[in-house]
PDB file of all heavy atoms in Angstrom:
ATOM      1  N   ASN A   1       6.820  -4.719   5.158  1.00  0.00           N
ATOM      2  CA  ASN A   1       7.392  -3.694   5.945  1.00  0.00           C
ATOM      3  C   ASN A   1       6.887  -2.371   5.317  1.00  0.00           C
ATOM      4  O   ASN A   1       6.705  -2.229   4.097  1.00  0.00           O
ATOM      5  CB  ASN A   1       8.975  -3.681   5.858  1.00  0.00           C
ATOM      6  CG  ASN A   1       9.524  -2.686   6.823  1.00  0.00           C
ATOM      7  OD1 ASN A   1       9.002  -2.454   7.939  1.00  0.00           O
ATOM      8  ND2 ASN A   1      10.642  -2.109   6.442  1.00  0.00           N
ATOM      9  N   TYR A   2       6.534  -1.337   6.181  1.00  0.00           N
ATOM     10  CA  TYR A   2       5.987  -0.164   5.714  1.00  0.00           C
ATOM     11  C   TYR A   2       6.699   1.062   6.220  1.00  0.00           C
ATOM     12  O   TYR A   2       7.271   0.978   7.418  1.00  0.00           O
ATOM     13  CB  TYR A   2       4.502  -0.056   6.168  1.00  0.00           C
ATOM     14  CG  TYR A   2       3.575  -1.114   5.703  1.00  0.00           C
ATOM     15  CD1 TYR A   2       3.386  -2.290   6.350  1.00  0.00           C
ATOM     16  CD2 TYR A   2       2.876  -0.884   4.485  1.00  0.00           C
ATOM     17  CE1 TYR A   2       2.477  -3.255   5.833  1.00  0.00           C
ATOM     18  CE2 TYR A   2       2.005  -1.793   3.976  1.00  0.00           C
ATOM     19  CZ  TYR A   2       1.835  -2.976   4.704  1.00  0.00           C
ATOM     20  OH  TYR A   2       0.970  -3.962   4.142  1.00  0.00           O
ATOM     21  N   ALA A   3       6.633   2.151   5.502  1.00  0.00           N
ATOM     22  CA  ALA A   3       7.119   3.415   6.009  1.00  0.00           C
ATOM     23  C   ALA A   3       6.141   3.861   7.113  1.00  0.00           C
ATOM     24  O   ALA A   3       4.937   3.612   7.067  1.00  0.00           O
ATOM     25  CB  ALA A   3       7.148   4.453   4.902  1.00  0.00           C
ATOM     26  N   ASP A   4       6.707   4.528   8.144  1.00  0.00           N
ATOM     27  CA  ASP A   4       5.905   4.973   9.211  1.00  0.00           C
ATOM     28  C   ASP A   4       4.746   5.889   8.772  1.00  0.00           C
ATOM     29  O   ASP A   4       3.626   5.842   9.284  1.00  0.00           O
ATOM     30  CB  ASP A   4       6.687   5.754  10.224  1.00  0.00           C
ATOM     31  CG  ASP A   4       7.662   4.803  11.019  1.00  0.00           C
ATOM     32  OD1 ASP A   4       7.434   3.629  11.055  1.00  0.00           O
ATOM     33  OD2 ASP A   4       8.602   5.377  11.585  1.00  0.00           O
ATOM     34  N   SER A   5       4.979   6.613   7.675  1.00  0.00           N
ATOM     35  CA  SER A   5       3.959   7.601   7.284  1.00  0.00           C
ATOM     36  C   SER A   5       2.716   6.962   6.629  1.00  0.00           C
ATOM     37  O   SER A   5       1.663   7.669   6.490  1.00  0.00           O
ATOM     38  CB  SER A   5       4.599   8.529   6.197  1.00  0.00           C
ATOM     39  OG  SER A   5       5.097   7.822   5.067  1.00  0.00           O
ATOM     40  N   VAL A   6       2.848   5.676   6.318  1.00  0.00           N
ATOM     41  CA  VAL A   6       1.683   4.986   5.620  1.00  0.00           C
ATOM     42  C   VAL A   6       1.093   3.884   6.486  1.00  0.00           C
ATOM     43  O   VAL A   6       0.108   3.313   6.043  1.00  0.00           O
ATOM     44  CB  VAL A   6       2.066   4.517   4.214  1.00  0.00           C
ATOM     45  CG1 VAL A   6       2.645   5.605   3.365  1.00  0.00           C
ATOM     46  CG2 VAL A   6       2.931   3.295   4.302  1.00  0.00           C
ATOM     47  N   LYS A   7       1.738   3.499   7.566  1.00  0.00           N
ATOM     48  CA  LYS A   7       1.282   2.443   8.394  1.00  0.00           C
ATOM     49  C   LYS A   7      -0.170   2.683   8.853  1.00  0.00           C
ATOM     50  O   LYS A   7      -0.507   3.767   9.305  1.00  0.00           O
ATOM     51  CB  LYS A   7       2.149   2.306   9.604  1.00  0.00           C
ATOM     52  CG  LYS A   7       3.510   1.579   9.325  1.00  0.00           C
ATOM     53  CD  LYS A   7       4.336   1.422  10.639  1.00  0.00           C
ATOM     54  CE  LYS A   7       5.635   0.724  10.297  1.00  0.00           C
ATOM     55  NZ  LYS A   7       6.476   0.601  11.533  1.00  0.00           N
ATOM     56  N   GLY A   8      -0.935   1.596   8.692  1.00  0.00           N
ATOM     57  CA  GLY A   8      -2.460   1.730   9.097  1.00  0.00           C
ATOM     58  C   GLY A   8      -3.254   2.272   8.011  1.00  0.00           C
ATOM     59  O   GLY A   8      -4.552   2.185   8.106  1.00  0.00           O
ATOM     60  N   ARG A   9      -2.649   2.828   6.911  1.00  0.00           N
ATOM     61  CA  ARG A   9      -3.450   3.334   5.829  1.00  0.00           C
ATOM     62  C   ARG A   9      -3.272   2.540   4.540  1.00  0.00           C
ATOM     63  O   ARG A   9      -4.173   2.357   3.710  1.00  0.00           O
ATOM     64  CB  ARG A   9      -3.125   4.847   5.543  1.00  0.00           C
ATOM     65  CG  ARG A   9      -3.360   5.704   6.784  1.00  0.00           C
ATOM     66  CD  ARG A   9      -3.154   7.173   6.356  1.00  0.00           C
ATOM     67  NE  ARG A   9      -1.796   7.493   5.970  1.00  0.00           N
ATOM     68  CZ  ARG A   9      -1.488   8.011   4.722  1.00  0.00           C
ATOM     69  NH1 ARG A   9      -2.491   8.282   3.858  1.00  0.00           N
ATOM     70  NH2 ARG A   9      -0.241   8.304   4.424  1.00  0.00           N
ATOM     71  N   PHE A  10      -1.981   2.063   4.266  1.00  0.00           N
ATOM     72  CA  PHE A  10      -1.750   1.366   3.066  1.00  0.00           C
ATOM     73  C   PHE A  10      -1.468  -0.087   3.424  1.00  0.00           C
ATOM     74  O   PHE A  10      -0.919  -0.455   4.472  1.00  0.00           O
ATOM     75  CB  PHE A  10      -0.377   1.918   2.437  1.00  0.00           C
ATOM     76  CG  PHE A  10      -0.476   3.329   1.880  1.00  0.00           C
ATOM     77  CD1 PHE A  10      -1.587   4.126   2.111  1.00  0.00           C
ATOM     78  CD2 PHE A  10       0.536   3.764   1.099  1.00  0.00           C
ATOM     79  CE1 PHE A  10      -1.719   5.349   1.534  1.00  0.00           C
ATOM     80  CE2 PHE A  10       0.480   5.094   0.559  1.00  0.00           C
ATOM     81  CZ  PHE A  10      -0.634   5.900   0.768  1.00  0.00           C
ATOM     82  N   THR A  11      -1.809  -0.873   2.391  1.00  0.00           N
ATOM     83  CA  THR A  11      -1.567  -2.401   2.576  1.00  0.00           C
ATOM     84  C   THR A  11      -0.933  -2.889   1.273  1.00  0.00           C
ATOM     85  O   THR A  11      -1.448  -2.724   0.192  1.00  0.00           O
ATOM     86  CB  THR A  11      -2.866  -3.173   2.827  1.00  0.00           C
ATOM     87  OG1 THR A  11      -3.471  -2.582   4.006  1.00  0.00           O
ATOM     88  CG2 THR A  11      -2.594  -4.610   3.022  1.00  0.00           C
ATOM     89  N   ILE A  12       0.166  -3.606   1.384  1.00  0.00           N
ATOM     90  CA  ILE A  12       0.821  -4.251   0.254  1.00  0.00           C
ATOM     91  C   ILE A  12       0.449  -5.730   0.237  1.00  0.00           C
ATOM     92  O   ILE A  12       0.400  -6.297   1.294  1.00  0.00           O
ATOM     93  CB  ILE A  12       2.359  -4.005   0.283  1.00  0.00           C
ATOM     94  CG1 ILE A  12       2.922  -4.512  -1.066  1.00  0.00           C
ATOM     95  CG2 ILE A  12       3.029  -4.663   1.477  1.00  0.00           C
ATOM     96  CD1 ILE A  12       4.401  -4.057  -1.206  1.00  0.00           C
ATOM     97  N   SER A  13       0.200  -6.251  -0.866  1.00  0.00           N
ATOM     98  CA  SER A  13      -0.110  -7.692  -1.063  1.00  0.00           C
ATOM     99  C   SER A  13       0.472  -8.146  -2.357  1.00  0.00           C
ATOM    100  O   SER A  13       0.756  -7.305  -3.255  1.00  0.00           O
ATOM    101  CB  SER A  13      -1.575  -7.973  -0.906  1.00  0.00           C
ATOM    102  OG  SER A  13      -2.308  -7.257  -1.942  1.00  0.00           O
ATOM    103  N   ARG A  14       0.490  -9.482  -2.546  1.00  0.00           N
ATOM    104  CA  ARG A  14       1.020 -10.004  -3.833  1.00  0.00           C
ATOM    105  C   ARG A  14       0.186 -11.323  -4.155  1.00  0.00           C
ATOM    106  O   ARG A  14      -0.254 -12.024  -3.306  1.00  0.00           O
ATOM    107  CB  ARG A  14       2.496 -10.292  -3.833  1.00  0.00           C
ATOM    108  CG  ARG A  14       2.905 -11.345  -2.838  1.00  0.00           C
ATOM    109  CD  ARG A  14       4.486 -11.360  -2.697  1.00  0.00           C
ATOM    110  NE  ARG A  14       5.159 -11.751  -3.893  1.00  0.00           N
ATOM    111  CZ  ARG A  14       6.473 -11.723  -4.092  1.00  0.00           C
ATOM    112  NH1 ARG A  14       7.205 -11.172  -3.178  1.00  0.00           N
ATOM    113  NH2 ARG A  14       7.014 -12.096  -5.251  1.00  0.00           N
ATOM    114  N   ASP A  15      -0.024 -11.371  -5.489  1.00  0.00           N
ATOM    115  CA  ASP A  15      -0.742 -12.607  -6.027  1.00  0.00           C
ATOM    116  C   ASP A  15       0.339 -13.295  -6.859  1.00  0.00           C
ATOM    117  O   ASP A  15       0.666 -12.938  -7.930  1.00  0.00           O
ATOM    118  CB  ASP A  15      -1.903 -12.149  -6.850  1.00  0.00           C
ATOM    119  CG  ASP A  15      -2.695 -13.317  -7.401  1.00  0.00           C
ATOM    120  OD1 ASP A  15      -2.092 -14.432  -7.574  1.00  0.00           O
ATOM    121  OD2 ASP A  15      -3.875 -13.241  -7.637  1.00  0.00           O
ATOM    122  N   ASN A  16       0.960 -14.321  -6.266  1.00  0.00           N
ATOM    123  CA  ASN A  16       2.021 -15.027  -6.935  1.00  0.00           C
ATOM    124  C   ASN A  16       1.544 -15.751  -8.207  1.00  0.00           C
ATOM    125  O   ASN A  16       2.363 -15.828  -9.201  1.00  0.00           O
ATOM    126  CB  ASN A  16       2.716 -16.062  -5.959  1.00  0.00           C
ATOM    127  CG  ASN A  16       3.463 -15.344  -4.887  1.00  0.00           C
ATOM    128  OD1 ASN A  16       4.009 -14.315  -5.003  1.00  0.00           O
ATOM    129  ND2 ASN A  16       3.467 -15.969  -3.689  1.00  0.00           N
ATOM    130  N   ALA A  17       0.318 -16.163  -8.265  1.00  0.00           N
ATOM    131  CA  ALA A  17      -0.156 -16.811  -9.474  1.00  0.00           C
ATOM    132  C   ALA A  17      -0.212 -15.893 -10.622  1.00  0.00           C
ATOM    133  O   ALA A  17      -0.103 -16.287 -11.780  1.00  0.00           O
ATOM    134  CB  ALA A  17      -1.508 -17.465  -9.144  1.00  0.00           C
ATOM    135  N   LYS A  18      -0.538 -14.581 -10.290  1.00  0.00           N
ATOM    136  CA  LYS A  18      -0.671 -13.568 -11.352  1.00  0.00           C
ATOM    137  C   LYS A  18       0.588 -12.721 -11.490  1.00  0.00           C
ATOM    138  O   LYS A  18       0.647 -11.781 -12.260  1.00  0.00           O
ATOM    139  CB  LYS A  18      -1.826 -12.701 -11.103  1.00  0.00           C
ATOM    140  CG  LYS A  18      -3.185 -13.500 -11.146  1.00  0.00           C
ATOM    141  CD  LYS A  18      -4.358 -12.490 -10.951  1.00  0.00           C
ATOM    142  CE  LYS A  18      -5.708 -13.274 -11.047  1.00  0.00           C
ATOM    143  NZ  LYS A  18      -6.844 -12.405 -10.834  1.00  0.00           N
ATOM    144  N   ASN A  19       1.613 -13.054 -10.636  1.00  0.00           N
ATOM    145  CA  ASN A  19       2.864 -12.277 -10.707  1.00  0.00           C
ATOM    146  C   ASN A  19       2.556 -10.800 -10.510  1.00  0.00           C
ATOM    147  O   ASN A  19       3.224  -9.919 -11.253  1.00  0.00           O
ATOM    148  CB  ASN A  19       3.599 -12.552 -11.981  1.00  0.00           C
ATOM    149  CG  ASN A  19       3.849 -14.016 -12.241  1.00  0.00           C
ATOM    150  OD1 ASN A  19       4.203 -14.765 -11.311  1.00  0.00           O
ATOM    151  ND2 ASN A  19       3.508 -14.472 -13.462  1.00  0.00           N
ATOM    152  N   THR A  20       1.773 -10.483  -9.616  1.00  0.00           N
ATOM    153  CA  THR A  20       1.328  -9.067  -9.442  1.00  0.00           C
ATOM    154  C   THR A  20       1.407  -8.698  -7.992  1.00  0.00           C
ATOM    155  O   THR A  20       1.071  -9.525  -7.082  1.00  0.00           O
ATOM    156  CB  THR A  20      -0.098  -8.889  -9.926  1.00  0.00           C
ATOM    157  OG1 THR A  20      -0.131  -9.205 -11.325  1.00  0.00           O
ATOM    158  CG2 THR A  20      -0.542  -7.398  -9.815  1.00  0.00           C
ATOM    159  N   VAL A  21       1.865  -7.461  -7.776  1.00  0.00           N
ATOM    160  CA  VAL A  21       1.807  -6.945  -6.338  1.00  0.00           C
ATOM    161  C   VAL A  21       0.962  -5.705  -6.358  1.00  0.00           C
ATOM    162  O   VAL A  21       0.888  -5.037  -7.348  1.00  0.00           O
ATOM    163  CB  VAL A  21       3.271  -6.566  -5.951  1.00  0.00           C
ATOM    164  CG1 VAL A  21       3.833  -5.467  -6.725  1.00  0.00           C
ATOM    165  CG2 VAL A  21       3.304  -6.167  -4.478  1.00  0.00           C
ATOM    166  N   PHE A  22       0.204  -5.544  -5.224  1.00  0.00           N
ATOM    167  CA  PHE A  22      -0.790  -4.496  -5.145  1.00  0.00           C
ATOM    168  C   PHE A  22      -0.408  -3.602  -3.968  1.00  0.00           C
ATOM    169  O   PHE A  22       0.242  -3.967  -2.974  1.00  0.00           O
ATOM    170  CB  PHE A  22      -2.208  -5.143  -4.840  1.00  0.00           C
ATOM    171  CG  PHE A  22      -2.585  -6.093  -5.853  1.00  0.00           C
ATOM    172  CD1 PHE A  22      -2.412  -7.459  -5.662  1.00  0.00           C
ATOM    173  CD2 PHE A  22      -3.168  -5.681  -7.113  1.00  0.00           C
ATOM    174  CE1 PHE A  22      -2.818  -8.371  -6.609  1.00  0.00           C
ATOM    175  CE2 PHE A  22      -3.610  -6.598  -8.017  1.00  0.00           C
ATOM    176  CZ  PHE A  22      -3.437  -7.979  -7.785  1.00  0.00           C
ATOM    177  N   LEU A  23      -0.900  -2.395  -4.046  1.00  0.00           N
ATOM    178  CA  LEU A  23      -0.793  -1.427  -2.944  1.00  0.00           C
ATOM    179  C   LEU A  23      -2.155  -0.754  -2.811  1.00  0.00           C
ATOM    180  O   LEU A  23      -2.606   0.052  -3.594  1.00  0.00           O
ATOM    181  CB  LEU A  23       0.257  -0.338  -3.224  1.00  0.00           C
ATOM    182  CG  LEU A  23       0.487   0.645  -2.006  1.00  0.00           C
ATOM    183  CD1 LEU A  23       1.168  -0.081  -0.887  1.00  0.00           C
ATOM    184  CD2 LEU A  23       1.320   1.786  -2.495  1.00  0.00           C
ATOM    185  N   GLN A  24      -2.805  -1.142  -1.747  1.00  0.00           N
ATOM    186  CA  GLN A  24      -4.147  -0.557  -1.364  1.00  0.00           C
ATOM    187  C   GLN A  24      -3.908   0.672  -0.558  1.00  0.00           C
ATOM    188  O   GLN A  24      -3.338   0.569   0.512  1.00  0.00           O
ATOM    189  CB  GLN A  24      -5.091  -1.544  -0.670  1.00  0.00           C
ATOM    190  CG  GLN A  24      -6.349  -1.034  -0.236  1.00  0.00           C
ATOM    191  CD  GLN A  24      -7.296  -0.702  -1.416  1.00  0.00           C
ATOM    192  OE1 GLN A  24      -7.403  -1.430  -2.367  1.00  0.00           O
ATOM    193  NE2 GLN A  24      -7.942   0.466  -1.374  1.00  0.00           N
ATOM    194  N   MET A  25      -4.336   1.782  -1.042  1.00  0.00           N
ATOM    195  CA  MET A  25      -4.089   3.038  -0.284  1.00  0.00           C
ATOM    196  C   MET A  25      -5.455   3.630   0.141  1.00  0.00           C
ATOM    197  O   MET A  25      -6.257   3.985  -0.696  1.00  0.00           O
ATOM    198  CB  MET A  25      -3.371   4.024  -1.229  1.00  0.00           C
ATOM    199  CG  MET A  25      -2.054   3.463  -1.804  1.00  0.00           C
ATOM    200  SD  MET A  25      -1.095   4.647  -2.768  1.00  0.00           S
ATOM    201  CE  MET A  25      -2.257   4.954  -4.124  1.00  0.00           C
ATOM    202  N   ASN A  26      -5.582   3.732   1.479  1.00  0.00           N
ATOM    203  CA  ASN A  26      -6.768   4.344   2.018  1.00  0.00           C
ATOM    204  C   ASN A  26      -6.450   5.562   2.764  1.00  0.00           C
ATOM    205  O   ASN A  26      -5.301   5.838   3.084  1.00  0.00           O
ATOM    206  CB  ASN A  26      -7.425   3.348   2.986  1.00  0.00           C
ATOM    207  CG  ASN A  26      -7.855   2.028   2.289  1.00  0.00           C
ATOM    208  OD1 ASN A  26      -8.244   2.032   1.102  1.00  0.00           O
ATOM    209  ND2 ASN A  26      -7.815   0.897   2.991  1.00  0.00           N
ATOM    210  N   SER A  27      -7.421   6.358   3.067  1.00  0.00           N
ATOM    211  CA  SER A  27      -7.351   7.525   3.836  1.00  0.00           C
ATOM    212  C   SER A  27      -6.188   8.475   3.252  1.00  0.00           C
ATOM    213  O   SER A  27      -5.329   8.951   3.964  1.00  0.00           O
ATOM    214  CB  SER A  27      -7.027   7.271   5.341  1.00  0.00           C
ATOM    215  OG  SER A  27      -8.086   6.528   5.876  1.00  0.00           O
ATOM    216  N   LEU A  28      -6.253   8.641   1.944  1.00  0.00           N
ATOM    217  CA  LEU A  28      -5.146   9.364   1.272  1.00  0.00           C
ATOM    218  C   LEU A  28      -5.068  10.820   1.710  1.00  0.00           C
ATOM    219  O   LEU A  28      -6.126  11.423   1.966  1.00  0.00           O
ATOM    220  CB  LEU A  28      -5.334   9.246  -0.205  1.00  0.00           C
ATOM    221  CG  LEU A  28      -4.864   7.909  -0.754  1.00  0.00           C
ATOM    222  CD1 LEU A  28      -5.499   7.573  -2.102  1.00  0.00           C
ATOM    223  CD2 LEU A  28      -3.347   7.837  -0.835  1.00  0.00           C
ATOM    224  N   LYS A  29      -3.877  11.313   1.729  1.00  0.00           N
ATOM    225  CA  LYS A  29      -3.679  12.729   2.151  1.00  0.00           C
ATOM    226  C   LYS A  29      -2.920  13.407   0.996  1.00  0.00           C
ATOM    227  O   LYS A  29      -2.232  12.774   0.236  1.00  0.00           O
ATOM    228  CB  LYS A  29      -2.747  12.705   3.415  1.00  0.00           C
ATOM    229  CG  LYS A  29      -3.242  11.922   4.587  1.00  0.00           C
ATOM    230  CD  LYS A  29      -2.217  11.970   5.695  1.00  0.00           C
ATOM    231  CE  LYS A  29      -2.688  11.105   6.855  1.00  0.00           C
ATOM    232  NZ  LYS A  29      -1.779  11.129   7.981  1.00  0.00           N
ATOM    233  N   PRO A  30      -3.031  14.768   0.985  1.00  0.00           N
ATOM    234  CA  PRO A  30      -2.331  15.488  -0.046  1.00  0.00           C
ATOM    235  C   PRO A  30      -0.869  15.132  -0.087  1.00  0.00           C
ATOM    236  O   PRO A  30      -0.227  15.181  -1.186  1.00  0.00           O
ATOM    237  CB  PRO A  30      -2.530  16.958   0.348  1.00  0.00           C
ATOM    238  CG  PRO A  30      -3.904  16.897   1.029  1.00  0.00           C
ATOM    239  CD  PRO A  30      -3.922  15.628   1.758  1.00  0.00           C
ATOM    240  N   GLU A  31      -0.267  14.911   1.057  1.00  0.00           N
ATOM    241  CA  GLU A  31       1.177  14.593   1.096  1.00  0.00           C
ATOM    242  C   GLU A  31       1.514  13.243   0.516  1.00  0.00           C
ATOM    243  O   GLU A  31       2.717  12.868   0.358  1.00  0.00           O
ATOM    244  CB  GLU A  31       1.779  14.737   2.509  1.00  0.00           C
ATOM    245  CG  GLU A  31       0.957  14.003   3.564  1.00  0.00           C
ATOM    246  CD  GLU A  31      -0.061  14.853   4.270  1.00  0.00           C
ATOM    247  OE1 GLU A  31      -0.722  15.668   3.630  1.00  0.00           O
ATOM    248  OE2 GLU A  31      -0.122  14.696   5.534  1.00  0.00           O
ATOM    249  N   ASP A  32       0.489  12.403   0.189  1.00  0.00           N
ATOM    250  CA  ASP A  32       0.743  11.169  -0.544  1.00  0.00           C
ATOM    251  C   ASP A  32       0.955  11.369  -2.041  1.00  0.00           C
ATOM    252  O   ASP A  32       1.237  10.417  -2.752  1.00  0.00           O
ATOM    253  CB  ASP A  32      -0.438  10.229  -0.304  1.00  0.00           C
ATOM    254  CG  ASP A  32      -0.516   9.784   1.111  1.00  0.00           C
ATOM    255  OD1 ASP A  32       0.527   9.535   1.816  1.00  0.00           O
ATOM    256  OD2 ASP A  32      -1.701   9.744   1.663  1.00  0.00           O
ATOM    257  N   THR A  33       0.748  12.656  -2.495  1.00  0.00           N
ATOM    258  CA  THR A  33       0.892  12.893  -3.875  1.00  0.00           C
ATOM    259  C   THR A  33       2.272  12.614  -4.365  1.00  0.00           C
ATOM    260  O   THR A  33       3.273  13.162  -3.759  1.00  0.00           O
ATOM    261  CB  THR A  33       0.480  14.315  -4.210  1.00  0.00           C
ATOM    262  OG1 THR A  33      -0.895  14.590  -3.973  1.00  0.00           O
ATOM    263  CG2 THR A  33       0.810  14.741  -5.667  1.00  0.00           C
TER     264      THR A  33
END
C-alpha cells in the first residue's frame, strides 16, 4: 500500500531471506525531503 503522493514513483519490497525491506525511490522531488 502506498501514499498517493508516491504512487508510481516509489516501490516497496522485502527479502524475507535477508530480513530486509527496501524502498526504491525514483523521480524524487524536493518535497520528498
